[in-house]
Protein backbone atom coordinates (compact mmCIF):
# COMPACT_ATOMS: atom_id res chain seq x y z
CA MET A 1 -13.29 -2.45 6.66
CA LEU A 2 -9.93 -0.99 5.76
CA VAL A 3 -7.38 -2.26 3.70
CA LEU A 4 -3.93 -0.99 3.89
CA LEU A 5 -1.84 -2.10 0.92
CA PRO A 6 2.04 -1.78 0.13
CA PRO A 7 2.77 -0.14 -3.42
CA SER A 8 4.56 -1.92 -6.29
CA GLU A 9 8.34 -1.40 -6.97
CA GLY A 10 7.67 -1.36 -10.68
CA LYS A 11 4.47 0.87 -12.17
CA ALA A 12 2.84 0.94 -15.64
CA PRO A 13 3.75 4.28 -17.64
CA SER A 14 2.06 7.38 -16.79
CA GLY A 15 -1.24 7.90 -18.87
CA ARG A 16 -1.97 10.88 -21.69
CA GLY A 17 -4.14 12.22 -19.59
CA ALA A 18 -4.44 15.50 -17.28
CA PRO A 19 -1.39 15.98 -15.01
CA LEU A 20 -1.41 15.48 -11.52
CA LYS A 21 -4.02 17.60 -9.73
CA PRO A 22 -2.45 17.08 -6.03
CA GLU A 23 -5.63 18.93 -4.59
CA SER A 24 -7.47 16.20 -5.86
CA LEU A 25 -5.82 13.24 -3.96
CA SER A 26 -8.05 11.75 -0.98
CA LEU A 27 -6.64 12.02 2.79
CA PRO A 28 -6.24 15.87 2.39
CA GLY A 29 -4.61 15.91 5.89
CA LEU A 30 -1.43 15.00 4.03
CA ALA A 31 -1.38 17.37 1.51
CA GLU A 32 1.30 19.18 3.38
CA ALA A 33 3.72 16.42 3.50
CA ARG A 34 2.90 15.13 0.18
CA ALA A 35 3.75 18.69 -1.23
CA ALA A 36 7.43 18.66 0.63
CA VAL A 37 8.17 15.22 -0.66
CA LEU A 38 7.24 16.10 -4.27
CA ASP A 39 8.86 19.13 -4.12
CA GLU A 40 12.61 17.63 -3.06
CA LEU A 41 11.95 14.42 -5.07
CA VAL A 42 11.70 16.64 -8.33
CA GLU A 43 14.71 18.78 -7.34
CA LEU A 44 16.72 16.07 -6.61
CA CYS A 45 15.87 14.29 -10.31
CA LEU A 46 16.30 17.79 -11.99
CA GLY A 47 19.95 18.08 -10.80
CA ASP A 48 22.72 15.77 -10.49
CA GLU A 49 21.85 12.78 -11.78
CA GLU A 50 24.24 10.43 -9.84
CA LYS A 51 23.40 11.95 -6.74
CA ALA A 52 19.60 11.07 -7.21
CA ARG A 53 20.59 7.55 -8.39
CA GLU A 54 22.44 7.02 -5.33
CA VAL A 55 19.66 8.74 -2.72
CA LEU A 56 16.89 6.48 -4.60
CA GLY A 57 18.80 3.51 -4.60
CA LEU A 58 18.52 2.94 -8.79
CA SER A 59 20.38 0.42 -10.45
CA GLU A 60 22.13 1.67 -13.60
CA GLY A 61 19.25 -0.14 -15.62
CA LEU A 62 16.82 2.25 -13.50
CA ARG A 63 18.30 5.63 -14.52
CA GLY A 64 15.35 6.59 -16.75
CA GLU A 65 13.33 6.59 -13.63
CA ILE A 66 15.29 9.60 -12.25
CA ALA A 67 13.82 11.60 -15.35
CA LYS A 68 10.28 10.49 -14.98
CA ASN A 69 10.56 11.54 -11.16
CA GLY A 70 11.69 15.19 -12.70
CA ALA A 71 8.48 15.02 -14.87
CA LEU A 72 5.99 14.21 -12.26
CA ARG A 73 4.19 17.68 -12.41
CA THR A 74 4.02 17.60 -15.84
CA ALA A 75 3.24 13.66 -16.85
CA GLY A 76 -0.26 12.24 -17.43
CA ALA A 77 -2.25 10.92 -14.38
CA ARG A 78 -3.86 7.54 -14.06
CA PRO A 79 -5.94 5.85 -10.72
CA ALA A 80 -3.43 4.14 -8.89
CA GLY A 81 -5.17 0.97 -9.37
CA GLU A 82 -3.72 1.18 -12.80
CA ILE A 83 -0.41 2.41 -12.02
CA TYR A 84 0.40 0.00 -9.30
CA THR A 85 1.37 -3.45 -10.88
CA GLY A 86 3.26 -6.28 -9.70
CA VAL A 87 2.41 -9.60 -8.12
CA LEU A 88 -0.02 -8.71 -5.51
CA TYR A 89 -1.73 -6.61 -8.08
CA ASP A 90 -1.73 -8.92 -10.96
CA SER A 91 -3.66 -11.39 -7.96
CA LEU A 92 -5.85 -8.83 -7.10
CA GLY A 93 -7.06 -7.93 -10.35
CA LEU A 94 -8.73 -4.59 -9.87
CA ALA A 95 -10.02 -4.16 -13.58
CA SER A 96 -11.44 -7.60 -13.97
CA LEU A 97 -13.77 -7.11 -10.60
CA ASP A 98 -17.38 -6.46 -11.07
CA ALA A 99 -18.71 -3.29 -10.60
CA ALA A 100 -20.09 -3.77 -7.19
CA ALA A 101 -16.61 -5.25 -6.17
CA LYS A 102 -14.83 -1.86 -7.95
CA LYS A 103 -17.02 0.17 -6.10
CA ARG A 104 -15.89 -1.79 -2.56
CA ALA A 105 -12.39 -1.43 -3.54
CA ALA A 106 -12.49 2.40 -3.88
CA ARG A 107 -13.85 2.61 -0.39
CA SER A 108 -11.88 -0.14 1.38
CA LEU A 109 -8.13 -0.22 -0.16
CA LEU A 110 -5.62 2.37 0.93
CA VAL A 111 -2.41 1.95 -0.94
CA PHE A 112 0.81 3.52 1.05
CA SER A 113 3.41 5.36 -0.51
CA GLY A 114 7.29 6.92 -0.04
CA LEU A 115 5.84 9.75 -2.31
CA TRP A 116 1.92 10.20 -1.60
CA GLY A 117 1.80 9.02 2.06
CA ALA A 118 -1.52 6.83 0.98
CA VAL A 119 -3.85 7.11 -1.61
CA ARG A 120 -6.90 5.42 -2.70
CA VAL A 121 -7.00 3.29 -5.87
CA THR A 122 -9.11 5.71 -7.62
CA ASP A 123 -6.72 8.67 -6.99
CA LYS A 124 -4.74 9.65 -10.42
CA ILE A 125 -1.33 9.71 -9.87
CA PRO A 126 1.65 9.57 -12.38
CA SER A 127 3.94 6.73 -12.43
CA TYR A 128 7.12 7.51 -10.14
CA ARG A 129 10.09 5.85 -8.34
CA CYS A 130 10.42 6.64 -4.62
CA SER A 131 10.59 4.10 -2.15
CA MET A 132 9.41 4.17 1.65
CA GLY A 133 13.07 3.26 2.50
CA VAL A 134 14.45 6.32 0.79
CA LYS A 135 16.24 9.05 2.60
CA LEU A 136 15.81 12.09 0.78
CA PRO A 137 18.69 14.80 1.52
CA GLY A 138 16.96 17.49 3.10
CA LEU A 139 13.32 15.27 4.60
CA GLY A 140 15.26 12.56 5.97
CA ALA A 141 13.99 9.03 6.05
CA LEU A 142 10.54 9.10 4.60
CA GLY A 143 9.23 6.26 7.11
CA THR A 144 9.85 9.08 9.61
CA HIS A 145 8.66 12.05 7.49
CA TRP A 146 5.35 10.33 7.33
CA ARG A 147 4.37 9.36 11.10
CA THR A 148 2.87 13.11 12.24
CA ALA A 149 0.57 13.29 9.38
CA MET A 150 -0.35 9.78 9.55
CA ALA A 151 -1.29 10.02 12.98
CA ALA A 152 -3.32 12.40 12.76
CA THR A 153 -4.89 11.50 9.33
CA LEU A 154 -5.44 7.70 9.70
CA PRO A 155 -7.56 7.17 12.68
CA GLU A 156 -10.48 8.76 10.92
CA VAL A 157 -9.94 7.07 7.95
CA ALA A 158 -9.87 3.75 9.80
CA GLY A 159 -13.14 4.36 10.78
CA ASN A 160 -15.07 1.63 13.32
CA GLY A 161 -14.36 -1.40 11.57
CA LEU A 162 -11.66 -4.07 10.80
CA VAL A 163 -8.21 -2.93 9.72
CA LEU A 164 -6.36 -5.77 7.75
CA ASP A 165 -2.90 -4.71 7.42
CA LEU A 166 -1.14 -6.34 4.25
CA ARG A 167 1.73 -3.79 4.34
CA SER A 168 5.69 -4.53 4.31
CA ALA A 169 7.68 -3.68 7.18
CA ALA A 170 8.86 -0.15 5.46
CA TYR A 171 5.41 0.67 4.61
CA ALA A 172 3.98 -0.31 8.08
CA ALA A 173 6.90 2.32 9.75
CA ALA A 174 4.71 5.11 8.31
CA TRP A 175 1.90 4.50 10.47
CA LYS A 176 0.82 1.85 13.25
CA PRO A 177 -2.63 1.87 14.40
CA LYS A 178 -2.72 2.17 18.28
CA GLY A 179 -5.39 1.53 21.35
CA GLU A 180 -8.37 0.90 20.24
CA ILE A 181 -7.65 0.76 16.50
CA ALA A 182 -4.83 -1.86 17.19
CA GLY A 183 -7.50 -3.93 18.89
CA ARG A 184 -9.55 -4.19 15.69
CA THR A 185 -6.40 -4.45 13.33
CA ALA A 186 -5.19 -7.47 11.96
CA SER A 187 -1.80 -8.36 9.73
CA VAL A 188 -1.35 -11.21 7.90
CA ARG A 189 1.72 -13.28 7.38
CA VAL A 190 1.66 -15.94 4.58
CA LEU A 191 3.85 -18.85 5.08
CA HIS A 192 4.84 -21.77 2.60
CA ALA A 193 3.07 -24.66 4.59
CA PRO A 194 5.80 -27.13 3.86
CA THR A 195 8.77 -25.01 5.05
CA ARG A 196 6.71 -22.43 7.24
CA LYS A 197 8.86 -20.04 5.68
CA VAL A 198 7.76 -16.51 4.15
CA VAL A 199 8.24 -16.74 0.67
CA SER A 200 8.14 -13.47 -1.04
CA HIS A 201 5.99 -14.76 -4.44
CA PHE A 202 3.75 -16.73 -2.34
CA ASN A 203 3.21 -13.68 0.12
CA LYS A 204 2.02 -11.30 -2.61
CA ALA A 205 0.33 -13.16 -4.72
CA THR A 206 -1.76 -14.88 -1.62
CA LYS A 207 -2.55 -11.02 -0.49
CA GLY A 208 -3.96 -10.15 -3.66
CA ARG A 209 -6.02 -13.35 -3.70
CA ILE A 210 -7.44 -12.87 -0.30
CA VAL A 211 -8.28 -8.88 -1.14
CA ARG A 212 -10.01 -10.20 -4.31
CA SER A 213 -11.97 -13.04 -2.60
CA LEU A 214 -13.06 -10.46 0.17
CA LEU A 215 -14.08 -7.92 -2.55
CA ALA A 216 -15.49 -10.28 -4.74
CA GLY A 217 -17.55 -11.99 -2.49
CA GLY A 218 -18.87 -8.52 -0.64
CA VAL A 219 -17.58 -10.19 2.50
CA ARG A 220 -17.07 -7.34 5.82
CA PRO A 221 -15.55 -8.95 8.70
CA GLY A 222 -16.56 -6.83 11.81
CA GLY A 223 -13.33 -7.72 13.07
CA PRO A 224 -9.97 -9.85 13.03
CA ALA A 225 -12.12 -12.74 14.66
CA GLU A 226 -14.62 -12.25 12.19
CA LEU A 227 -11.93 -12.40 9.11
CA VAL A 228 -10.48 -15.30 10.59
CA GLU A 229 -13.39 -17.26 10.08
CA ALA A 230 -14.40 -15.19 6.64
CA LEU A 231 -10.95 -16.45 5.16
CA ARG A 232 -11.62 -20.17 6.45
CA ASP A 233 -14.86 -19.84 4.91
CA LEU A 234 -13.09 -19.08 1.68
CA GLY A 235 -11.21 -21.83 1.84
CA TYR A 236 -7.94 -20.46 3.13
CA VAL A 237 -5.90 -22.42 5.80
CA VAL A 238 -5.64 -19.85 8.76
CA GLU A 239 -3.80 -19.95 12.01
CA ALA A 240 -4.42 -17.40 14.69
CA GLU A 241 -4.22 -16.61 18.24
CA ALA A 242 -6.27 -13.61 20.15
CA PRO A 243 -3.60 -11.39 21.55
CA LYS A 244 -2.99 -11.69 25.27
CA LYS A 245 -3.68 -7.82 26.00
CA ALA A 246 -6.04 -5.36 24.95
CA GLY A 247 -5.11 -2.95 22.32
CA ALA A 248 -2.74 -5.14 20.42
CA ALA A 249 -3.04 -6.16 16.77
CA TRP A 250 -3.85 -9.51 16.04
CA SER A 251 -1.51 -11.68 13.71
CA LEU A 252 -2.65 -14.11 11.18
CA ASP A 253 -0.83 -16.83 9.46
CA VAL A 254 -2.02 -18.00 6.18
CA LEU A 255 -0.56 -21.29 4.76
CA VAL A 256 0.02 -22.10 1.35
CA ASP A 257 1.37 -25.08 -0.52
CA GLU A 258 1.56 -23.38 -4.02
CA ILE A 259 0.12 -20.49 -6.16
CA HIS A 260 -1.80 -21.55 -9.09
């Protein structure tokens, strides 16, 4: 099983350990594309601060993120699973998983990123600010920038099992499973049951809880249909229909009343 996650907007501070070693990151097929984004982002943030703030879409209160980006090559690096915070990652609770579940997380979770493309939760990265929606002056829209490298790299990473896609739309734009892989891909939408609407907090928290449930229980669905049954066994209310044509991804709705 491969689980595709969005990053968090906010991030924990960089560590005091060794700085980033780009060659140590997983998915070496993304190395060239990563280097291009890193080079331009650092140059941008070491230059005109106002231009950098505009390009990155930062409020005045987040101006300090520009200096942080400028120091990406020298800042300490921590496992990505510690860098990413926020509602989804709080609900996932990687640090509190047992040893076996942490190993499953290391194998199964892939976090998409405007800067890194995609990383494993064990990859050591510094804290940064660069969403997939950013358009860098030289590279253009990052969602578009990543597509070629992703298309060449991700099919092998996806292996032969279930692909559980929990990404938001901006990050899903960087890689869309196609053909046979799409047929074993399931995307999940979380709906507030009383209103049948997507509510951001419910959506993020429930996705984190779903991943935690699967990892903690050692559940390894073979495909989307098995995932539906597994989630129901875990107590989730799931609505799903098999796609009408071959090579199309499944769409699952998970209904929630409230988050505890």
